[in-house]
Amino acid sequence: MHDTNTDEVELTRPDEVLDAAELAELENLLLERRQGDVAESQRMAESLGVLLSSRSESTADDEHDPEGPTLSSEWSRLQALRSDAAHDIVAVDAALERIQRGTYGVCARCGRSIGVDRLRARPTAELCIRCAIAVES
């Protein structure tokens, strides 16, 4: 059932549709973010390679070294950071695809516009703030 109250009417005002300048700004933001994510992923891959080399060369029992993190915990940390960057690249690519399809800035759940301020703060957002809150609660 679709309720048409005044809040919904207010959310779909034409001035909430992204204009060409806002869309270009957000696309540039996404492209910069993707470039940063790719660079971060490459740094993590290099660090993992160095760590792997250290693990194979080391005969020390780093699991009981009180001086710092173990190689295993460092491996886990780097893998998590690399995974986060990879997931963000996927989200950025999906947002760039939505720009190409003309659906960027439209809530995937309710079809209303996603506010430009929300997109500036979270350019990969697929849900308007109301739907995001509803999904998280």
N, C-alpha and C. Protein backbone atom coordinates (compact mmCIF):
# COMPACT_ATOMS: atom_id res chain seq x y z
N MET A 1 0.84 -1.18 0.00
CA MET A 1 0.00 0.00 0.00
C MET A 1 0.88 1.23 0.00
N HIS A 2 0.58 2.17 -0.87
CA HIS A 2 1.41 3.36 -1.01
C HIS A 2 0.69 4.55 -0.40
N ASP A 3 1.26 5.07 0.65
CA ASP A 3 0.69 6.21 1.36
C ASP A 3 1.18 7.50 0.71
N THR A 4 0.28 8.40 0.37
CA THR A 4 0.67 9.66 -0.23
C THR A 4 0.41 10.78 0.75
N ASN A 5 1.29 10.92 1.71
CA ASN A 5 1.14 12.02 2.67
C ASN A 5 1.97 13.21 2.22
N THR A 6 1.92 14.28 2.95
CA THR A 6 2.62 15.50 2.56
C THR A 6 4.13 15.34 2.59
N ASP A 7 4.65 14.47 3.45
CA ASP A 7 6.10 14.25 3.49
C ASP A 7 6.58 13.66 2.16
N GLU A 8 5.84 12.72 1.60
CA GLU A 8 6.25 12.12 0.34
C GLU A 8 6.18 13.13 -0.79
N VAL A 9 5.18 13.98 -0.79
CA VAL A 9 5.07 15.01 -1.81
C VAL A 9 6.27 15.94 -1.71
N GLU A 10 6.64 16.29 -0.50
CA GLU A 10 7.77 17.18 -0.30
C GLU A 10 9.08 16.53 -0.77
N LEU A 11 9.22 15.22 -0.59
CA LEU A 11 10.44 14.53 -1.00
C LEU A 11 10.59 14.42 -2.51
N THR A 12 9.52 14.56 -3.25
CA THR A 12 9.61 14.40 -4.69
C THR A 12 9.52 15.73 -5.43
N ARG A 13 9.87 16.81 -4.78
CA ARG A 13 9.89 18.10 -5.46
C ARG A 13 10.88 18.05 -6.61
N PRO A 14 10.59 18.71 -7.72
CA PRO A 14 11.48 18.71 -8.87
C PRO A 14 12.87 19.26 -8.55
N ASP A 15 12.97 20.17 -7.58
CA ASP A 15 14.28 20.76 -7.28
C ASP A 15 15.22 19.76 -6.60
N GLU A 16 14.72 18.58 -6.24
CA GLU A 16 15.59 17.57 -5.65
C GLU A 16 16.22 16.67 -6.70
N VAL A 17 15.81 16.80 -7.95
CA VAL A 17 16.41 16.04 -9.04
C VAL A 17 17.78 16.66 -9.31
N LEU A 18 18.77 15.81 -9.50
CA LEU A 18 20.13 16.29 -9.73
C LEU A 18 20.22 17.06 -11.04
N ASP A 19 20.85 18.23 -10.99
CA ASP A 19 21.08 18.95 -12.24
C ASP A 19 22.41 18.50 -12.83
N ALA A 20 22.73 18.95 -14.02
CA ALA A 20 23.93 18.49 -14.74
C ALA A 20 25.21 18.79 -13.97
N ALA A 21 25.28 19.96 -13.33
CA ALA A 21 26.48 20.33 -12.57
C ALA A 21 26.66 19.42 -11.36
N GLU A 22 25.57 19.14 -10.65
CA GLU A 22 25.64 18.25 -9.49
C GLU A 22 26.03 16.84 -9.91
N LEU A 23 25.46 16.37 -10.99
CA LEU A 23 25.76 15.04 -11.49
C LEU A 23 27.24 14.94 -11.89
N ALA A 24 27.76 15.97 -12.55
CA ALA A 24 29.18 15.98 -12.93
C ALA A 24 30.07 16.02 -11.68
N GLU A 25 29.69 16.81 -10.70
CA GLU A 25 30.44 16.89 -9.44
C GLU A 25 30.50 15.51 -8.76
N LEU A 26 29.36 14.85 -8.69
CA LEU A 26 29.29 13.55 -8.04
C LEU A 26 30.02 12.47 -8.83
N GLU A 27 29.96 12.55 -10.15
CA GLU A 27 30.70 11.59 -10.98
C GLU A 27 32.20 11.76 -10.76
N ASN A 28 32.67 13.01 -10.71
CA ASN A 28 34.09 13.26 -10.43
C ASN A 28 34.48 12.75 -9.05
N LEU A 29 33.61 12.95 -8.08
CA LEU A 29 33.87 12.45 -6.73
C LEU A 29 34.00 10.92 -6.74
N LEU A 30 33.13 10.26 -7.47
CA LEU A 30 33.18 8.80 -7.58
C LEU A 30 34.46 8.34 -8.28
N LEU A 31 34.84 9.03 -9.35
CA LEU A 31 36.05 8.65 -10.08
C LEU A 31 37.30 8.83 -9.21
N GLU A 32 37.34 9.93 -8.46
CA GLU A 32 38.47 10.15 -7.54
C GLU A 32 38.50 9.08 -6.45
N ARG A 33 37.34 8.74 -5.95
CA ARG A 33 37.26 7.72 -4.90
C ARG A 33 37.72 6.37 -5.44
N ARG A 34 37.32 6.06 -6.66
CA ARG A 34 37.74 4.79 -7.28
C ARG A 34 39.25 4.75 -7.45
N GLN A 35 39.81 5.85 -7.91
CA GLN A 35 41.26 5.92 -8.08
C GLN A 35 41.97 5.71 -6.74
N GLY A 36 41.47 6.33 -5.70
CA GLY A 36 42.04 6.13 -4.36
C GLY A 36 41.90 4.70 -3.87
N ASP A 37 40.75 4.09 -4.14
CA ASP A 37 40.53 2.70 -3.74
C ASP A 37 41.47 1.75 -4.46
N VAL A 38 41.67 1.97 -5.76
CA VAL A 38 42.57 1.12 -6.54
C VAL A 38 43.99 1.26 -6.00
N ALA A 39 44.42 2.50 -5.74
CA ALA A 39 45.76 2.72 -5.19
C ALA A 39 45.91 2.05 -3.83
N GLU A 40 44.89 2.15 -2.98
CA GLU A 40 44.92 1.52 -1.66
C GLU A 40 45.00 0.00 -1.79
N SER A 41 44.23 -0.55 -2.69
CA SER A 41 44.24 -1.99 -2.91
C SER A 41 45.62 -2.46 -3.38
N GLN A 42 46.23 -1.68 -4.25
CA GLN A 42 47.57 -2.03 -4.73
C GLN A 42 48.60 -1.96 -3.59
N ARG A 43 48.49 -0.93 -2.75
CA ARG A 43 49.40 -0.82 -1.60
C ARG A 43 49.23 -2.01 -0.66
N MET A 44 47.99 -2.40 -0.43
CA MET A 44 47.74 -3.54 0.45
C MET A 44 48.29 -4.84 -0.17
N ALA A 45 48.13 -4.99 -1.48
CA ALA A 45 48.66 -6.18 -2.15
C ALA A 45 50.19 -6.23 -2.02
N GLU A 46 50.83 -5.08 -2.19
CA GLU A 46 52.28 -5.03 -2.03
C GLU A 46 52.69 -5.35 -0.59
N SER A 47 51.99 -4.79 0.36
CA SER A 47 52.28 -5.06 1.76
C SER A 47 52.07 -6.53 2.09
N LEU A 48 51.03 -7.12 1.52
CA LEU A 48 50.78 -8.55 1.74
C LEU A 48 51.91 -9.38 1.15
N GLY A 49 52.42 -8.97 -0.01
CA GLY A 49 53.54 -9.67 -0.62
C GLY A 49 54.78 -9.61 0.25
N VAL A 50 55.06 -8.43 0.81
CA VAL A 50 56.21 -8.28 1.71
C VAL A 50 56.01 -9.13 2.95
N LEU A 51 54.82 -9.12 3.48
CA LEU A 51 54.52 -9.89 4.68
C LEU A 51 54.64 -11.39 4.41
N LEU A 52 54.15 -11.82 3.26
CA LEU A 52 54.26 -13.23 2.90
C LEU A 52 55.73 -13.64 2.81
N SER A 53 56.51 -12.77 2.22
CA SER A 53 57.96 -13.03 2.12
C SER A 53 58.57 -13.12 3.52
N SER A 54 58.18 -12.22 4.40
CA SER A 54 58.68 -12.23 5.78
C SER A 54 58.28 -13.50 6.51
N ARG A 55 57.06 -13.93 6.27
CA ARG A 55 56.58 -15.15 6.93
C ARG A 55 57.38 -16.38 6.49
N SER A 56 57.68 -16.43 5.19
CA SER A 56 58.39 -17.61 4.69
C SER A 56 59.86 -17.61 5.09
N GLU A 57 60.43 -16.43 5.30
CA GLU A 57 61.84 -16.32 5.68
C GLU A 57 62.05 -16.41 7.18
N SER A 58 61.02 -16.14 7.93
CA SER A 58 61.15 -16.05 9.38
C SER A 58 61.10 -17.43 10.04
N THR A 59 61.98 -17.61 10.98
CA THR A 59 61.94 -18.83 11.79
C THR A 59 61.54 -18.48 13.21
N ALA A 60 61.34 -17.20 13.44
CA ALA A 60 60.99 -16.76 14.80
C ALA A 60 59.55 -17.13 15.12
N ASP A 61 59.29 -17.29 16.38
CA ASP A 61 57.94 -17.59 16.85
C ASP A 61 57.24 -16.26 17.14
N ASP A 62 56.72 -15.64 16.07
CA ASP A 62 56.12 -14.32 16.26
C ASP A 62 54.79 -14.38 16.97
N GLU A 63 54.18 -15.54 17.08
CA GLU A 63 52.91 -15.67 17.77
C GLU A 63 53.05 -15.34 19.26
N HIS A 64 54.25 -15.46 19.78
CA HIS A 64 54.48 -15.20 21.20
C HIS A 64 55.40 -14.02 21.43
N ASP A 65 55.54 -13.17 20.42
CA ASP A 65 56.41 -11.99 20.52
C ASP A 65 55.66 -10.86 21.21
N PRO A 66 56.09 -10.47 22.40
CA PRO A 66 55.39 -9.41 23.12
C PRO A 66 55.65 -8.01 22.57
N GLU A 67 56.52 -7.90 21.59
CA GLU A 67 56.92 -6.58 21.07
C GLU A 67 55.96 -5.98 20.06
N GLY A 68 55.05 -6.73 19.54
CA GLY A 68 54.16 -6.14 18.55
C GLY A 68 53.19 -7.16 17.99
N PRO A 69 52.48 -6.75 16.93
CA PRO A 69 51.48 -7.64 16.36
C PRO A 69 52.15 -8.84 15.68
N THR A 70 51.47 -9.93 15.69
CA THR A 70 51.99 -11.12 15.03
C THR A 70 51.84 -10.98 13.52
N LEU A 71 52.60 -11.77 12.79
CA LEU A 71 52.47 -11.75 11.34
C LEU A 71 51.06 -12.16 10.93
N SER A 72 50.48 -13.07 11.67
CA SER A 72 49.12 -13.52 11.35
C SER A 72 48.11 -12.39 11.54
N SER A 73 48.24 -11.65 12.62
CA SER A 73 47.29 -10.56 12.84
C SER A 73 47.51 -9.44 11.82
N GLU A 74 48.75 -9.20 11.45
CA GLU A 74 49.03 -8.18 10.44
C GLU A 74 48.47 -8.63 9.09
N TRP A 75 48.60 -9.91 8.78
CA TRP A 75 48.05 -10.48 7.55
C TRP A 75 46.52 -10.27 7.52
N SER A 76 45.89 -10.58 8.62
CA SER A 76 44.43 -10.42 8.72
C SER A 76 44.02 -8.97 8.53
N ARG A 77 44.76 -8.06 9.16
CA ARG A 77 44.47 -6.63 9.05
C ARG A 77 44.59 -6.15 7.61
N LEU A 78 45.69 -6.53 6.95
CA LEU A 78 45.90 -6.11 5.58
C LEU A 78 44.86 -6.71 4.62
N GLN A 79 44.51 -7.97 4.86
CA GLN A 79 43.49 -8.61 4.03
C GLN A 79 42.15 -7.89 4.19
N ALA A 80 41.82 -7.51 5.41
CA ALA A 80 40.56 -6.80 5.66
C ALA A 80 40.55 -5.45 4.95
N LEU A 81 41.66 -4.73 5.02
CA LEU A 81 41.75 -3.43 4.34
C LEU A 81 41.63 -3.60 2.82
N ARG A 82 42.28 -4.61 2.30
CA ARG A 82 42.21 -4.86 0.86
C ARG A 82 40.79 -5.25 0.46
N SER A 83 40.14 -6.06 1.27
CA SER A 83 38.76 -6.46 1.00
C SER A 83 37.82 -5.25 1.04
N ASP A 84 38.03 -4.37 2.02
CA ASP A 84 37.20 -3.15 2.10
C ASP A 84 37.36 -2.31 0.83
N ALA A 85 38.60 -2.15 0.37
CA ALA A 85 38.84 -1.38 -0.85
C ALA A 85 38.17 -2.04 -2.05
N ALA A 86 38.25 -3.35 -2.13
CA ALA A 86 37.62 -4.08 -3.25
C ALA A 86 36.10 -3.91 -3.23
N HIS A 87 35.51 -4.00 -2.05
CA HIS A 87 34.05 -3.81 -1.95
C HIS A 87 33.66 -2.39 -2.33
N ASP A 88 34.49 -1.41 -1.94
CA ASP A 88 34.17 -0.03 -2.29
C ASP A 88 34.30 0.20 -3.79
N ILE A 89 35.27 -0.44 -4.43
CA ILE A 89 35.41 -0.32 -5.88
C ILE A 89 34.15 -0.85 -6.57
N VAL A 90 33.63 -1.96 -6.09
CA VAL A 90 32.40 -2.53 -6.65
C VAL A 90 31.23 -1.53 -6.48
N ALA A 91 31.12 -0.93 -5.30
CA ALA A 91 30.04 0.03 -5.04
C ALA A 91 30.19 1.27 -5.91
N VAL A 92 31.41 1.75 -6.07
CA VAL A 92 31.66 2.92 -6.92
C VAL A 92 31.33 2.59 -8.37
N ASP A 93 31.77 1.42 -8.84
CA ASP A 93 31.46 1.03 -10.22
C ASP A 93 29.95 0.92 -10.45
N ALA A 94 29.23 0.41 -9.45
CA ALA A 94 27.77 0.32 -9.56
C ALA A 94 27.15 1.72 -9.65
N ALA A 95 27.68 2.66 -8.85
CA ALA A 95 27.16 4.03 -8.90
C ALA A 95 27.46 4.67 -10.25
N LEU A 96 28.66 4.44 -10.78
CA LEU A 96 29.00 4.98 -12.10
C LEU A 96 28.11 4.38 -13.18
N GLU A 97 27.77 3.11 -13.02
CA GLU A 97 26.86 2.46 -13.97
C GLU A 97 25.47 3.10 -13.88
N ARG A 98 25.03 3.41 -12.66
CA ARG A 98 23.72 4.07 -12.50
C ARG A 98 23.73 5.45 -13.17
N ILE A 99 24.85 6.14 -13.12
CA ILE A 99 24.96 7.43 -13.81
C ILE A 99 24.77 7.21 -15.31
N GLN A 100 25.45 6.20 -15.85
CA GLN A 100 25.34 5.92 -17.28
C GLN A 100 23.91 5.54 -17.68
N ARG A 101 23.21 4.80 -16.81
CA ARG A 101 21.83 4.37 -17.11
C ARG A 101 20.81 5.48 -16.85
N GLY A 102 21.23 6.53 -16.14
CA GLY A 102 20.30 7.61 -15.82
C GLY A 102 19.48 7.35 -14.57
N THR A 103 19.91 6.39 -13.74
CA THR A 103 19.16 6.07 -12.53
C THR A 103 19.90 6.50 -11.26
N TYR A 104 21.03 7.16 -11.41
CA TYR A 104 21.78 7.61 -10.24
C TYR A 104 20.97 8.69 -9.52
N GLY A 105 20.94 8.59 -8.20
CA GLY A 105 20.20 9.57 -7.41
C GLY A 105 18.74 9.22 -7.23
N VAL A 106 18.35 8.02 -7.68
CA VAL A 106 16.98 7.53 -7.51
C VAL A 106 17.03 6.35 -6.55
N CYS A 107 16.23 6.40 -5.52
CA CYS A 107 16.21 5.35 -4.51
C CYS A 107 15.80 4.02 -5.14
N ALA A 108 16.61 3.00 -4.91
CA ALA A 108 16.34 1.66 -5.46
C ALA A 108 15.15 1.00 -4.79
N ARG A 109 14.74 1.50 -3.64
CA ARG A 109 13.65 0.88 -2.89
C ARG A 109 12.30 1.55 -3.17
N CYS A 110 12.29 2.89 -3.12
CA CYS A 110 10.99 3.58 -3.24
C CYS A 110 10.86 4.41 -4.52
N GLY A 111 11.97 4.64 -5.21
CA GLY A 111 11.92 5.39 -6.46
C GLY A 111 11.97 6.90 -6.31
N ARG A 112 12.04 7.38 -5.08
CA ARG A 112 12.14 8.83 -4.86
C ARG A 112 13.57 9.29 -5.07
N SER A 113 13.74 10.59 -5.18
CA SER A 113 15.07 11.16 -5.33
C SER A 113 15.88 11.01 -4.05
N ILE A 114 17.16 10.74 -4.22
CA ILE A 114 18.10 10.75 -3.10
C ILE A 114 18.67 12.16 -3.05
N GLY A 115 18.61 12.81 -1.94
CA GLY A 115 19.07 14.19 -1.83
C GLY A 115 20.54 14.35 -2.18
N VAL A 116 20.86 15.49 -2.80
CA VAL A 116 22.23 15.74 -3.23
C VAL A 116 23.20 15.78 -2.04
N ASP A 117 22.74 16.27 -0.89
CA ASP A 117 23.62 16.30 0.28
C ASP A 117 23.97 14.88 0.74
N ARG A 118 22.99 13.98 0.68
CA ARG A 118 23.27 12.58 1.02
C ARG A 118 24.27 11.98 0.03
N LEU A 119 24.10 12.28 -1.25
CA LEU A 119 25.00 11.74 -2.27
C LEU A 119 26.41 12.33 -2.14
N ARG A 120 26.49 13.56 -1.73
CA ARG A 120 27.83 14.15 -1.50
C ARG A 120 28.52 13.45 -0.33
N ALA A 121 27.76 13.13 0.70
CA ALA A 121 28.33 12.46 1.87
C ALA A 121 28.57 10.98 1.60
N ARG A 122 27.71 10.37 0.82
CA ARG A 122 27.80 8.93 0.51
C ARG A 122 27.46 8.75 -0.97
N PRO A 123 28.43 9.01 -1.84
CA PRO A 123 28.13 9.01 -3.27
C PRO A 123 27.72 7.65 -3.85
N THR A 124 27.94 6.58 -3.12
CA THR A 124 27.53 5.26 -3.60
C THR A 124 26.14 4.87 -3.10
N ALA A 125 25.46 5.77 -2.41
CA ALA A 125 24.15 5.48 -1.82
C ALA A 125 23.16 5.03 -2.89
N GLU A 126 22.45 3.95 -2.59
CA GLU A 126 21.41 3.45 -3.47
C GLU A 126 20.03 3.72 -2.90
N LEU A 127 19.98 4.12 -1.63
CA LEU A 127 18.71 4.35 -0.95
C LEU A 127 18.61 5.79 -0.45
N CYS A 128 17.42 6.33 -0.48
CA CYS A 128 17.19 7.63 0.14
C CYS A 128 17.35 7.46 1.66
N ILE A 129 17.43 8.53 2.36
CA ILE A 129 17.68 8.46 3.81
C ILE A 129 16.56 7.71 4.52
N ARG A 130 15.32 7.93 4.12
CA ARG A 130 14.20 7.25 4.78
C ARG A 130 14.27 5.74 4.60
N CYS A 131 14.55 5.31 3.38
CA CYS A 131 14.63 3.87 3.13
C CYS A 131 15.86 3.27 3.81
N ALA A 132 16.96 4.01 3.84
CA ALA A 132 18.17 3.51 4.52
C ALA A 132 17.89 3.31 6.00
N ILE A 133 17.18 4.24 6.61
CA ILE A 133 16.83 4.12 8.03
C ILE A 133 15.89 2.93 8.24
N ALA A 134 14.93 2.79 7.35
CA ALA A 134 13.98 1.68 7.47
C ALA A 134 14.67 0.32 7.33
N VAL A 135 15.61 0.23 6.41
CA VAL A 135 16.32 -1.02 6.18
C VAL A 135 17.23 -1.36 7.38
N GLU A 136 17.85 -0.34 7.96
CA GLU A 136 18.78 -0.56 9.08
C GLU A 136 18.08 -0.85 10.40
N SER A 137 16.82 -0.44 10.51
CA SER A 137 16.13 -0.66 11.80
C SER A 137 15.39 -1.94 11.84
